[in-house]
């Protein structure tokens, strides 16, 4: 279910931002999978090696890492394109917000239906 929510968040964000394009729903599904894998395996390594810089920047460097991982996903997934670093940064922020909102909505709906 989280994968579908993440896919929907990617699709909505790509629709909102002119600097990000997703060729279709299949590409959005693949992008969600690739971003999930990249965040699961590469992000912890990047955060570990840039820990001093992250501490000095009071955690703001994590946003840079997120943007770089979005650019990497844009390079890896055919049909998912990001125009540049700033679009990747904005994309990662908006996807996080939309993903959080959709996750809360789904969680609230599933908890109501089980009661």
PDB file of N, CA and C in Angstrom:
ATOM      1  N   UNK A   1       0.823  -1.192   0.000  1.00  0.00           N
ATOM      2  CA  UNK A   1       0.000   0.000   0.000  1.00  0.00           C
ATOM      3  C   UNK A   1       0.867   1.257   0.000  1.00  0.00           C
ATOM      4  N   UNK A   2       1.969   1.230   0.754  1.00  0.00           N
ATOM      5  CA  UNK A   2       2.854   2.399   0.802  1.00  0.00           C
ATOM      6  C   UNK A   2       3.442   2.719  -0.568  1.00  0.00           C
ATOM      7  N   UNK A   3       3.719   1.664  -1.343  1.00  0.00           N
ATOM      8  CA  UNK A   3       4.280   1.850  -2.678  1.00  0.00           C
ATOM      9  C   UNK A   3       3.283   2.594  -3.567  1.00  0.00           C
ATOM     10  N   UNK A   4       2.009   2.256  -3.466  1.00  0.00           N
ATOM     11  CA  UNK A   4       0.984   2.928  -4.258  1.00  0.00           C
ATOM     12  C   UNK A   4       0.789   4.374  -3.818  1.00  0.00           C
ATOM     13  N   UNK A   5       0.858   4.609  -2.531  1.00  0.00           N
ATOM     14  CA  UNK A   5       0.750   5.980  -2.016  1.00  0.00           C
ATOM     15  C   UNK A   5       1.926   6.806  -2.517  1.00  0.00           C
ATOM     16  N   UNK A   6       3.116   6.241  -2.466  1.00  0.00           N
ATOM     17  CA  UNK A   6       4.316   6.931  -2.942  1.00  0.00           C
ATOM     18  C   UNK A   6       4.219   7.207  -4.444  1.00  0.00           C
ATOM     19  N   UNK A   7       3.673   6.257  -5.198  1.00  0.00           N
ATOM     20  CA  UNK A   7       3.477   6.436  -6.635  1.00  0.00           C
ATOM     21  C   UNK A   7       2.511   7.581  -6.898  1.00  0.00           C
ATOM     22  N   UNK A   8       1.432   7.628  -6.161  1.00  0.00           N
ATOM     23  CA  UNK A   8       0.462   8.710  -6.311  1.00  0.00           C
ATOM     24  C   UNK A   8       1.084  10.051  -5.952  1.00  0.00           C
ATOM     25  N   UNK A   9       1.886  10.098  -4.896  1.00  0.00           N
ATOM     26  CA  UNK A   9       2.564  11.337  -4.507  1.00  0.00           C
ATOM     27  C   UNK A   9       3.526  11.798  -5.603  1.00  0.00           C
ATOM     28  N   UNK A  10       4.239  10.872  -6.217  1.00  0.00           N
ATOM     29  CA  UNK A  10       5.156  11.205  -7.314  1.00  0.00           C
ATOM     30  C   UNK A  10       4.379  11.752  -8.502  1.00  0.00           C
ATOM     31  N   UNK A  11       3.274  11.116  -8.831  1.00  0.00           N
ATOM     32  CA  UNK A  11       2.460  11.548  -9.965  1.00  0.00           C
ATOM     33  C   UNK A  11       1.886  12.944  -9.734  1.00  0.00           C
ATOM     34  N   UNK A  12       1.355  13.186  -8.561  1.00  0.00           N
ATOM     35  CA  UNK A  12       0.787  14.502  -8.241  1.00  0.00           C
ATOM     36  C   UNK A  12       1.868  15.569  -8.281  1.00  0.00           C
ATOM     37  N   UNK A  13       3.018  15.292  -7.693  1.00  0.00           N
ATOM     38  CA  UNK A  13       4.101  16.269  -7.659  1.00  0.00           C
ATOM     39  C   UNK A  13       4.625  16.568  -9.053  1.00  0.00           C
ATOM     40  N   UNK A  14       4.753  15.552  -9.882  1.00  0.00           N
ATOM     41  CA  UNK A  14       5.210  15.766 -11.257  1.00  0.00           C
ATOM     42  C   UNK A  14       4.208  16.607 -12.035  1.00  0.00           C
ATOM     43  N   UNK A  15       2.937  16.446 -11.725  1.00  0.00           N
ATOM     44  CA  UNK A  15       1.906  17.263 -12.365  1.00  0.00           C
ATOM     45  C   UNK A  15       2.011  18.725 -11.918  1.00  0.00           C
ATOM     46  N   UNK A  16       2.357  18.944 -10.658  1.00  0.00           N
ATOM     47  CA  UNK A  16       2.439  20.300 -10.111  1.00  0.00           C
ATOM     48  C   UNK A  16       3.691  21.059 -10.553  1.00  0.00           C
ATOM     49  N   UNK A  17       4.801  20.354 -10.736  1.00  0.00           N
ATOM     50  CA  UNK A  17       6.072  21.006 -11.024  1.00  0.00           C
ATOM     51  C   UNK A  17       6.407  20.919 -12.520  1.00  0.00           C
ATOM     52  N   UNK A  18       6.618  22.054 -13.164  1.00  0.00           N
ATOM     53  CA  UNK A  18       6.959  22.009 -14.592  1.00  0.00           C
ATOM     54  C   UNK A  18       8.357  21.470 -14.870  1.00  0.00           C
ATOM     55  N   UNK A  19       9.224  21.425 -13.880  1.00  0.00           N
ATOM     56  CA  UNK A  19      10.587  20.943 -14.075  1.00  0.00           C
ATOM     57  C   UNK A  19      10.741  19.445 -13.892  1.00  0.00           C
ATOM     58  N   UNK A  20       9.634  18.750 -13.613  1.00  0.00           N
ATOM     59  CA  UNK A  20       9.664  17.300 -13.406  1.00  0.00           C
ATOM     60  C   UNK A  20       8.605  16.675 -14.304  1.00  0.00           C
ATOM     61  N   UNK A  21       8.997  15.645 -15.039  1.00  0.00           N
ATOM     62  CA  UNK A  21       8.032  14.947 -15.883  1.00  0.00           C
ATOM     63  C   UNK A  21       8.073  13.449 -15.617  1.00  0.00           C
ATOM     64  N   UNK A  22       6.892  12.865 -15.626  1.00  0.00           N
ATOM     65  CA  UNK A  22       6.730  11.423 -15.515  1.00  0.00           C
ATOM     66  C   UNK A  22       5.901  11.005 -16.721  1.00  0.00           C
ATOM     67  N   UNK A  23       6.422  10.071 -17.508  1.00  0.00           N
ATOM     68  CA  UNK A  23       5.802   9.699 -18.776  1.00  0.00           C
ATOM     69  C   UNK A  23       4.469   8.968 -18.618  1.00  0.00           C
ATOM     70  N   UNK A  24       4.207   8.381 -17.484  1.00  0.00           N
ATOM     71  CA  UNK A  24       2.946   7.671 -17.290  1.00  0.00           C
ATOM     72  C   UNK A  24       2.908   6.979 -15.948  1.00  0.00           C
ATOM     73  N   UNK A  25       1.816   6.263 -15.725  1.00  0.00           N
ATOM     74  CA  UNK A  25       1.649   5.592 -14.436  1.00  0.00           C
ATOM     75  C   UNK A  25       2.670   4.480 -14.235  1.00  0.00           C
ATOM     76  N   UNK A  26       3.003   3.757 -15.291  1.00  0.00           N
ATOM     77  CA  UNK A  26       4.021   2.706 -15.184  1.00  0.00           C
ATOM     78  C   UNK A  26       5.374   3.269 -14.793  1.00  0.00           C
ATOM     79  N   UNK A  27       5.706   4.411 -15.393  1.00  0.00           N
ATOM     80  CA  UNK A  27       6.976   5.076 -15.053  1.00  0.00           C
ATOM     81  C   UNK A  27       6.940   5.559 -13.608  1.00  0.00           C
ATOM     82  N   UNK A  28       5.782   6.043 -13.160  1.00  0.00           N
ATOM     83  CA  UNK A  28       5.656   6.491 -11.772  1.00  0.00           C
ATOM     84  C   UNK A  28       5.836   5.320 -10.806  1.00  0.00           C
ATOM     85  N   UNK A  29       5.295   4.152 -11.162  1.00  0.00           N
ATOM     86  CA  UNK A  29       5.475   2.960 -10.321  1.00  0.00           C
ATOM     87  C   UNK A  29       6.947   2.560 -10.242  1.00  0.00           C
ATOM     88  N   UNK A  30       7.624   2.576 -11.386  1.00  0.00           N
ATOM     89  CA  UNK A  30       9.048   2.225 -11.411  1.00  0.00           C
ATOM     90  C   UNK A  30       9.857   3.267 -10.645  1.00  0.00           C
ATOM     91  N   UNK A  31       9.506   4.541 -10.814  1.00  0.00           N
ATOM     92  CA  UNK A  31      10.208   5.609 -10.096  1.00  0.00           C
ATOM     93  C   UNK A  31      10.046   5.443  -8.591  1.00  0.00           C
ATOM     94  N   UNK A  32       8.841   5.103  -8.149  1.00  0.00           N
ATOM     95  CA  UNK A  32       8.611   4.879  -6.712  1.00  0.00           C
ATOM     96  C   UNK A  32       9.463   3.726  -6.215  1.00  0.00           C
ATOM     97  N   UNK A  33       9.551   2.673  -6.999  1.00  0.00           N
ATOM     98  CA  UNK A  33      10.374   1.527  -6.619  1.00  0.00           C
ATOM     99  C   UNK A  33      11.849   1.910  -6.547  1.00  0.00           C
ATOM    100  N   UNK A  34      12.341   2.604  -7.570  1.00  0.00           N
ATOM    101  CA  UNK A  34      13.755   2.996  -7.603  1.00  0.00           C
ATOM    102  C   UNK A  34      14.070   3.971  -6.464  1.00  0.00           C
ATOM    103  N   UNK A  35      13.210   4.964  -6.247  1.00  0.00           N
ATOM    104  CA  UNK A  35      13.451   5.900  -5.145  1.00  0.00           C
ATOM    105  C   UNK A  35      13.406   5.187  -3.795  1.00  0.00           C
ATOM    106  N   UNK A  36      12.516   4.229  -3.654  1.00  0.00           N
ATOM    107  CA  UNK A  36      12.465   3.456  -2.417  1.00  0.00           C
ATOM    108  C   UNK A  36      13.737   2.674  -2.183  1.00  0.00           C
ATOM    109  N   UNK A  37      14.233   2.023  -3.229  1.00  0.00           N
ATOM    110  CA  UNK A  37      15.479   1.259  -3.108  1.00  0.00           C
ATOM    111  C   UNK A  37      16.675   2.164  -2.856  1.00  0.00           C
ATOM    112  N   UNK A  38      16.731   3.280  -3.574  1.00  0.00           N
ATOM    113  CA  UNK A  38      17.838   4.224  -3.400  1.00  0.00           C
ATOM    114  C   UNK A  38      17.825   4.792  -1.985  1.00  0.00           C
ATOM    115  N   UNK A  39      16.623   5.136  -1.491  1.00  0.00           N
ATOM    116  CA  UNK A  39      16.526   5.668  -0.131  1.00  0.00           C
ATOM    117  C   UNK A  39      16.849   4.610   0.921  1.00  0.00           C
ATOM    118  N   UNK A  40      16.553   3.361   0.624  1.00  0.00           N
ATOM    119  CA  UNK A  40      16.821   2.293   1.590  1.00  0.00           C
ATOM    120  C   UNK A  40      18.299   1.920   1.652  1.00  0.00           C
ATOM    121  N   UNK A  41      18.981   1.938   0.502  1.00  0.00           N
ATOM    122  CA  UNK A  41      20.352   1.444   0.473  1.00  0.00           C
ATOM    123  C   UNK A  41      21.414   2.546   0.380  1.00  0.00           C
ATOM    124  N   UNK A  42      21.215   3.537  -0.466  1.00  0.00           N
ATOM    125  CA  UNK A  42      22.253   4.559  -0.659  1.00  0.00           C
ATOM    126  C   UNK A  42      22.160   5.713   0.327  1.00  0.00           C
ATOM    127  N   UNK A  43      20.947   6.112   0.681  1.00  0.00           N
ATOM    128  CA  UNK A  43      20.784   7.267   1.564  1.00  0.00           C
ATOM    129  C   UNK A  43      21.511   7.102   2.904  1.00  0.00           C
ATOM    130  N   UNK A  44      21.395   5.957   3.574  1.00  0.00           N
ATOM    131  CA  UNK A  44      22.123   5.821   4.843  1.00  0.00           C
ATOM    132  C   UNK A  44      23.642   5.948   4.675  1.00  0.00           C
ATOM    133  N   UNK A  45      24.152   5.454   3.566  1.00  0.00           N
ATOM    134  CA  UNK A  45      25.596   5.564   3.314  1.00  0.00           C
ATOM    135  C   UNK A  45      25.992   7.021   3.118  1.00  0.00           C
ATOM    136  N   UNK A  46      25.199   7.753   2.305  1.00  0.00           N
ATOM    137  CA  UNK A  46      25.491   9.173   2.072  1.00  0.00           C
ATOM    138  C   UNK A  46      25.388   9.977   3.361  1.00  0.00           C
ATOM    139  N   UNK A  47      24.351   9.692   4.150  1.00  0.00           N
ATOM    140  CA  UNK A  47      24.171  10.419   5.411  1.00  0.00           C
ATOM    141  C   UNK A  47      25.337  10.142   6.355  1.00  0.00           C
ATOM    142  N   UNK A  48      25.786   8.894   6.403  1.00  0.00           N
ATOM    143  CA  UNK A  48      26.907   8.542   7.277  1.00  0.00           C
ATOM    144  C   UNK A  48      28.177   9.289   6.881  1.00  0.00           C
ATOM    145  N   UNK A  49      28.502   9.280   5.590  1.00  0.00           N
ATOM    146  CA  UNK A  49      29.748   9.911   5.153  1.00  0.00           C
ATOM    147  C   UNK A  49      29.696  11.434   5.183  1.00  0.00           C
ATOM    148  N   UNK A  50      28.520  12.002   5.176  1.00  0.00           N
ATOM    149  CA  UNK A  50      28.413  13.463   5.235  1.00  0.00           C
ATOM    150  C   UNK A  50      27.926  13.936   6.604  1.00  0.00           C
ATOM    151  N   UNK A  51      28.015  13.084   7.600  1.00  0.00           N
ATOM    152  CA  UNK A  51      27.525  13.419   8.932  1.00  0.00           C
ATOM    153  C   UNK A  51      28.125  14.711   9.499  1.00  0.00           C
ATOM    154  N   UNK A  52      29.441  14.933   9.395  1.00  0.00           N
ATOM    155  CA  UNK A  52      29.959  16.205   9.914  1.00  0.00           C
ATOM    156  C   UNK A  52      29.340  17.426   9.222  1.00  0.00           C
ATOM    157  N   UNK A  53      29.187  17.357   7.910  1.00  0.00           N
ATOM    158  CA  UNK A  53      28.578  18.464   7.169  1.00  0.00           C
ATOM    159  C   UNK A  53      27.102  18.621   7.533  1.00  0.00           C
ATOM    160  N   UNK A  54      26.434  17.517   7.758  1.00  0.00           N
ATOM    161  CA  UNK A  54      25.028  17.560   8.163  1.00  0.00           C
ATOM    162  C   UNK A  54      24.892  18.184   9.546  1.00  0.00           C
ATOM    163  N   UNK A  55      25.793  17.857  10.445  1.00  0.00           N
ATOM    164  CA  UNK A  55      25.747  18.425  11.796  1.00  0.00           C
ATOM    165  C   UNK A  55      26.025  19.927  11.756  1.00  0.00           C
ATOM    166  N   UNK A  56      27.031  20.325  10.993  1.00  0.00           N
ATOM    167  CA  UNK A  56      27.379  21.751  10.896  1.00  0.00           C
ATOM    168  C   UNK A  56      26.232  22.547  10.277  1.00  0.00           C
ATOM    169  N   UNK A  57      25.531  21.948   9.317  1.00  0.00           N
ATOM    170  CA  UNK A  57      24.425  22.660   8.655  1.00  0.00           C
ATOM    171  C   UNK A  57      23.101  22.484   9.402  1.00  0.00           C
ATOM    172  N   UNK A  58      23.168  21.918  10.593  1.00  0.00           N
ATOM    173  CA  UNK A  58      21.988  21.674  11.430  1.00  0.00           C
ATOM    174  C   UNK A  58      20.953  20.796  10.720  1.00  0.00           C
ATOM    175  N   UNK A  59      21.444  19.839   9.959  1.00  0.00           N
ATOM    176  CA  UNK A  59      20.582  18.879   9.290  1.00  0.00           C
ATOM    177  C   UNK A  59      20.114  19.276   7.903  1.00  0.00           C
ATOM    178  N   UNK A  60      20.408  20.493   7.479  1.00  0.00           N
ATOM    179  CA  UNK A  60      19.927  20.957   6.177  1.00  0.00           C
ATOM    180  C   UNK A  60      20.599  20.238   5.004  1.00  0.00           C
ATOM    181  N   UNK A  61      21.770  19.678   5.220  1.00  0.00           N
ATOM    182  CA  UNK A  61      22.458  18.989   4.130  1.00  0.00           C
ATOM    183  C   UNK A  61      21.717  17.720   3.712  1.00  0.00           C
ATOM    184  N   UNK A  62      20.856  17.205   4.566  1.00  0.00           N
ATOM    185  CA  UNK A  62      20.050  16.039   4.214  1.00  0.00           C
ATOM    186  C   UNK A  62      19.149  16.369   3.015  1.00  0.00           C
ATOM    187  N   UNK A  63      18.695  17.618   2.925  1.00  0.00           N
ATOM    188  CA  UNK A  63      17.899  18.029   1.766  1.00  0.00           C
ATOM    189  C   UNK A  63      18.712  17.927   0.482  1.00  0.00           C
ATOM    190  N   UNK A  64      19.980  18.268   0.555  1.00  0.00           N
ATOM    191  CA  UNK A  64      20.862  18.150  -0.602  1.00  0.00           C
ATOM    192  C   UNK A  64      21.011  16.680  -0.997  1.00  0.00           C
ATOM    193  N   UNK A  65      21.177  15.818  -0.016  1.00  0.00           N
ATOM    194  CA  UNK A  65      21.287  14.385  -0.289  1.00  0.00           C
ATOM    195  C   UNK A  65      20.011  13.884  -0.963  1.00  0.00           C
ATOM    196  N   UNK A  66      18.854  14.299  -0.456  1.00  0.00           N
ATOM    197  CA  UNK A  66      17.584  13.880  -1.055  1.00  0.00           C
ATOM    198  C   UNK A  66      17.487  14.336  -2.507  1.00  0.00           C
ATOM    199  N   UNK A  67      17.881  15.568  -2.782  1.00  0.00           N
ATOM    200  CA  UNK A  67      17.832  16.078  -4.148  1.00  0.00           C
ATOM    201  C   UNK A  67      18.768  15.297  -5.060  1.00  0.00           C
ATOM    202  N   UNK A  68      19.954  14.960  -4.567  1.00  0.00           N
ATOM    203  CA  UNK A  68      20.895  14.181  -5.374  1.00  0.00           C
ATOM    204  C   UNK A  68      20.354  12.778  -5.658  1.00  0.00           C
ATOM    205  N   UNK A  69      19.658  12.197  -4.708  1.00  0.00           N
ATOM    206  CA  UNK A  69      19.069  10.875  -4.925  1.00  0.00           C
ATOM    207  C   UNK A  69      17.915  10.941  -5.928  1.00  0.00           C
ATOM    208  N   UNK A  70      17.155  12.025  -5.927  1.00  0.00           N
ATOM    209  CA  UNK A  70      16.106  12.207  -6.935  1.00  0.00           C
ATOM    210  C   UNK A  70      16.737  12.358  -8.314  1.00  0.00           C
ATOM    211  N   UNK A  71      17.835  13.114  -8.401  1.00  0.00           N
ATOM    212  CA  UNK A  71      18.536  13.237  -9.685  1.00  0.00           C
ATOM    213  C   UNK A  71      19.063  11.890 -10.154  1.00  0.00           C
ATOM    214  N   UNK A  72      19.551  11.083  -9.227  1.00  0.00           N
ATOM    215  CA  UNK A  72      20.015   9.741  -9.571  1.00  0.00           C
ATOM    216  C   UNK A  72      18.862   8.895 -10.117  1.00  0.00           C
ATOM    217  N   UNK A  73      17.716   8.978  -9.478  1.00  0.00           N
ATOM    218  CA  UNK A  73      16.550   8.237  -9.961  1.00  0.00           C
ATOM    219  C   UNK A  73      16.138   8.722 -11.343  1.00  0.00           C
ATOM    220  N   UNK A  74      16.244  10.028 -11.583  1.00  0.00           N
ATOM    221  CA  UNK A  74      15.952  10.568 -12.900  1.00  0.00           C
ATOM    222  C   UNK A  74      16.905  10.048 -13.956  1.00  0.00           C
ATOM    223  N   UNK A  75      18.129   9.798 -13.557  1.00  0.00           N
ATOM    224  CA  UNK A  75      19.120   9.236 -14.473  1.00  0.00           C
ATOM    225  C   UNK A  75      18.847   7.751 -14.733  1.00  0.00           C
ATOM    226  N   UNK A  76      18.397   7.036 -13.718  1.00  0.00           N
ATOM    227  CA  UNK A  76      18.197   5.594 -13.832  1.00  0.00           C
ATOM    228  C   UNK A  76      16.884   5.195 -14.505  1.00  0.00           C
ATOM    229  N   UNK A  77      15.833   5.986 -14.325  1.00  0.00           N
ATOM    230  CA  UNK A  77      14.502   5.621 -14.821  1.00  0.00           C
ATOM    231  C   UNK A  77      14.211   6.387 -16.105  1.00  0.00           C
ATOM    232  N   UNK A  78      14.024   5.648 -17.168  1.00  0.00           N
ATOM    233  CA  UNK A  78      13.665   6.255 -18.447  1.00  0.00           C
ATOM    234  C   UNK A  78      12.205   6.711 -18.379  1.00  0.00           C
ATOM    235  N   UNK A  79      11.961   7.971 -18.684  1.00  0.00           N
ATOM    236  CA  UNK A  79      10.609   8.511 -18.615  1.00  0.00           C
ATOM    237  C   UNK A  79      10.378   9.385 -17.397  1.00  0.00           C
ATOM    238  N   UNK A  80      11.306   9.368 -16.457  1.00  0.00           N
ATOM    239  CA  UNK A  80      11.251  10.252 -15.287  1.00  0.00           C
ATOM    240  C   UNK A  80      12.387  11.245 -15.437  1.00  0.00           C
ATOM    241  N   UNK A  81      12.031  12.511 -15.645  1.00  0.00           N
ATOM    242  CA  UNK A  81      13.052  13.523 -15.896  1.00  0.00           C
ATOM    243  C   UNK A  81      12.923  14.677 -14.915  1.00  0.00           C
ATOM    244  N   UNK A  82      14.060  15.120 -14.420  1.00  0.00           N
ATOM    245  CA  UNK A  82      14.136  16.254 -13.509  1.00  0.00           C
ATOM    246  C   UNK A  82      15.058  17.277 -14.155  1.00  0.00           C
ATOM    247  N   UNK A  83      14.596  18.524 -14.263  1.00  0.00           N
ATOM    248  CA  UNK A  83      15.313  19.557 -15.010  1.00  0.00           C
ATOM    249  C   UNK A  83      16.617  19.992 -14.351  1.00  0.00           C
ATOM    250  N   UNK A  84      16.758  19.830 -13.067  1.00  0.00           N
ATOM    251  CA  UNK A  84      17.990  20.249 -12.412  1.00  0.00           C
ATOM    252  C   UNK A  84      17.913  20.057 -10.913  1.00  0.00           C
ATOM    253  N   UNK A  85      18.966  20.510 -10.242  1.00  0.00           N
ATOM    254  CA  UNK A  85      19.091  20.309  -8.801  1.00  0.00           C
ATOM    255  C   UNK A  85      17.941  20.953  -8.031  1.00  0.00           C
ATOM    256  N   UNK A  86      17.591  22.204  -8.358  1.00  0.00           N
ATOM    257  CA  UNK A  86      16.564  22.906  -7.590  1.00  0.00           C
ATOM    258  C   UNK A  86      15.199  22.265  -7.770  1.00  0.00           C
ATOM    259  N   UNK A  87      14.922  21.773  -8.985  1.00  0.00           N
ATOM    260  CA  UNK A  87      13.672  21.051  -9.201  1.00  0.00           C
ATOM    261  C   UNK A  87      13.671  19.745  -8.404  1.00  0.00           C
ATOM    262  N   UNK A  88      14.805  19.091  -8.328  1.00  0.00           N
ATOM    263  CA  UNK A  88      14.913  17.848  -7.550  1.00  0.00           C
ATOM    264  C   UNK A  88      14.700  18.125  -6.068  1.00  0.00           C
ATOM    265  N   UNK A  89      15.252  19.227  -5.589  1.00  0.00           N
ATOM    266  CA  UNK A  89      15.075  19.605  -4.189  1.00  0.00           C
ATOM    267  C   UNK A  89      13.606  19.893  -3.892  1.00  0.00           C
ATOM    268  N   UNK A  90      12.977  20.682  -4.748  1.00  0.00           N
ATOM    269  CA  UNK A  90      11.564  21.003  -4.564  1.00  0.00           C
ATOM    270  C   UNK A  90      10.698  19.751  -4.697  1.00  0.00           C
ATOM    271  N   UNK A  91      11.038  18.899  -5.647  1.00  0.00           N
ATOM    272  CA  UNK A  91      10.314  17.639  -5.836  1.00  0.00           C
ATOM    273  C   UNK A  91      10.377  16.790  -4.574  1.00  0.00           C
ATOM    274  N   UNK A  92      11.550  16.637  -3.994  1.00  0.00           N
ATOM    275  CA  UNK A  92      11.683  15.795  -2.802  1.00  0.00           C
ATOM    276  C   UNK A  92      10.891  16.365  -1.627  1.00  0.00           C
ATOM    277  N   UNK A  93      10.869  17.683  -1.491  1.00  0.00           N
ATOM    278  CA  UNK A  93      10.105  18.297  -0.404  1.00  0.00           C
ATOM    279  C   UNK A  93       8.602  18.092  -0.585  1.00  0.00           C
ATOM    280  N   UNK A  94       8.119  18.349  -1.805  1.00  0.00           N
ATOM    281  CA  UNK A  94       6.679  18.239  -2.052  1.00  0.00           C
ATOM    282  C   UNK A  94       6.219  16.787  -1.994  1.00  0.00           C
ATOM    283  N   UNK A  95       7.016  15.865  -2.522  1.00  0.00           N
ATOM    284  CA  UNK A  95       6.649  14.445  -2.438  1.00  0.00           C
ATOM    285  C   UNK A  95       6.545  14.017  -0.981  1.00  0.00           C
ATOM    286  N   UNK A  96       7.442  14.484  -0.146  1.00  0.00           N
ATOM    287  CA  UNK A  96       7.384  14.131   1.274  1.00  0.00           C
ATOM    288  C   UNK A  96       6.105  14.624   1.926  1.00  0.00           C
ATOM    289  N   UNK A  97       5.721  15.856   1.617  1.00  0.00           N
ATOM    290  CA  UNK A  97       4.508  16.426   2.204  1.00  0.00           C
ATOM    291  C   UNK A  97       3.271  15.674   1.710  1.00  0.00           C
ATOM    292  N   UNK A  98       3.182  15.478   0.392  1.00  0.00           N
ATOM    293  CA  UNK A  98       2.014  14.791  -0.177  1.00  0.00           C
ATOM    294  C   UNK A  98       1.954  13.340   0.313  1.00  0.00           C
ATOM    295  N   UNK A  99       3.104  12.679   0.367  1.00  0.00           N
ATOM    296  CA  UNK A  99       3.152  11.302   0.855  1.00  0.00           C
ATOM    297  C   UNK A  99       2.666  11.224   2.303  1.00  0.00           C
ATOM    298  N   UNK A 100       3.068  12.178   3.116  1.00  0.00           N
ATOM    299  CA  UNK A 100       2.619  12.213   4.504  1.00  0.00           C
ATOM    300  C   UNK A 100       1.122  12.427   4.626  1.00  0.00           C
ATOM    301  N   UNK A 101       0.587  13.347   3.817  1.00  0.00           N
ATOM    302  CA  UNK A 101      -0.856  13.621   3.852  1.00  0.00           C
ATOM    303  C   UNK A 101      -1.646  12.399   3.390  1.00  0.00           C
ATOM    304  N   UNK A 102      -1.233  11.815   2.256  1.00  0.00           N
ATOM    305  CA  UNK A 102      -1.939  10.635   1.748  1.00  0.00           C
ATOM    306  C   UNK A 102      -1.826   9.461   2.719  1.00  0.00           C
ATOM    307  N   UNK A 103      -0.670   9.301   3.330  1.00  0.00           N
ATOM    308  CA  UNK A 103      -0.487   8.233   4.307  1.00  0.00           C
ATOM    309  C   UNK A 103      -1.416   8.393   5.499  1.00  0.00           C
ATOM    310  N   UNK A 104      -1.569   9.623   5.981  1.00  0.00           N
ATOM    311  CA  UNK A 104      -2.485   9.887   7.098  1.00  0.00           C
ATOM    312  C   UNK A 104      -3.928   9.602   6.702  1.00  0.00           C
ATOM    313  N   UNK A 105      -4.308  10.027   5.470  1.00  0.00           N
ATOM    314  CA  UNK A 105      -5.671   9.783   5.013  1.00  0.00           C
ATOM    315  C   UNK A 105      -5.977   8.296   4.916  1.00  0.00           C
ATOM    316  N   UNK A 106      -5.059   7.539   4.362  1.00  0.00           N
ATOM    317  CA  UNK A 106      -5.264   6.095   4.236  1.00  0.00           C
ATOM    318  C   UNK A 106      -5.288   5.438   5.613  1.00  0.00           C
ATOM    319  N   UNK A 107      -4.415   5.872   6.498  1.00  0.00           N
ATOM    320  CA  UNK A 107      -4.365   5.292   7.840  1.00  0.00           C
ATOM    321  C   UNK A 107      -5.675   5.587   8.585  1.00  0.00           C
ATOM    322  N   UNK A 108      -6.168   6.817   8.465  1.00  0.00           N
ATOM    323  CA  UNK A 108      -7.439   7.163   9.121  1.00  0.00           C
ATOM    324  C   UNK A 108      -8.601   6.375   8.552  1.00  0.00           C
ATOM    325  N   UNK A 109      -8.632   6.199   7.243  1.00  0.00           N
ATOM    326  CA  UNK A 109      -9.726   5.446   6.625  1.00  0.00           C
ATOM    327  C   UNK A 109      -9.680   3.966   6.995  1.00  0.00           C
ATOM    328  N   UNK A 110      -8.490   3.392   7.063  1.00  0.00           N
ATOM    329  CA  UNK A 110      -8.401   1.968   7.427  1.00  0.00           C
ATOM    330  C   UNK A 110      -8.709   1.748   8.900  1.00  0.00           C
ATOM    331  N   UNK A 111      -8.355   2.693   9.760  1.00  0.00           N
ATOM    332  CA  UNK A 111      -8.664   2.526  11.187  1.00  0.00           C
ATOM    333  C   UNK A 111     -10.152   2.697  11.445  1.00  0.00           C
ATOM    334  N   UNK A 112     -10.821   3.555  10.674  1.00  0.00           N
ATOM    335  CA  UNK A 112     -12.259   3.715  10.833  1.00  0.00           C
ATOM    336  C   UNK A 112     -13.026   2.493  10.345  1.00  0.00           C
ATOM    337  N   UNK A 113     -12.539   1.892   9.271  1.00  0.00           N
ATOM    338  CA  UNK A 113     -13.254   0.744   8.706  1.00  0.00           C
ATOM    339  C   UNK A 113     -13.096  -0.520   9.561  1.00  0.00           C
ATOM    340  N   UNK A 114     -12.045  -0.591  10.365  1.00  0.00           N
ATOM    341  CA  UNK A 114     -11.834  -1.772  11.193  1.00  0.00           C
ATOM    342  C   UNK A 114     -12.561  -1.655  12.536  1.00  0.00           C
ATOM    343  N   UNK A 115     -12.965  -0.462  12.917  1.00  0.00           N
ATOM    344  CA  UNK A 115     -13.653  -0.274  14.213  1.00  0.00           C
ATOM    345  C   UNK A 115     -15.117  -0.538  14.096  1.00  0.00           C
TER     346      UNK A 115
END
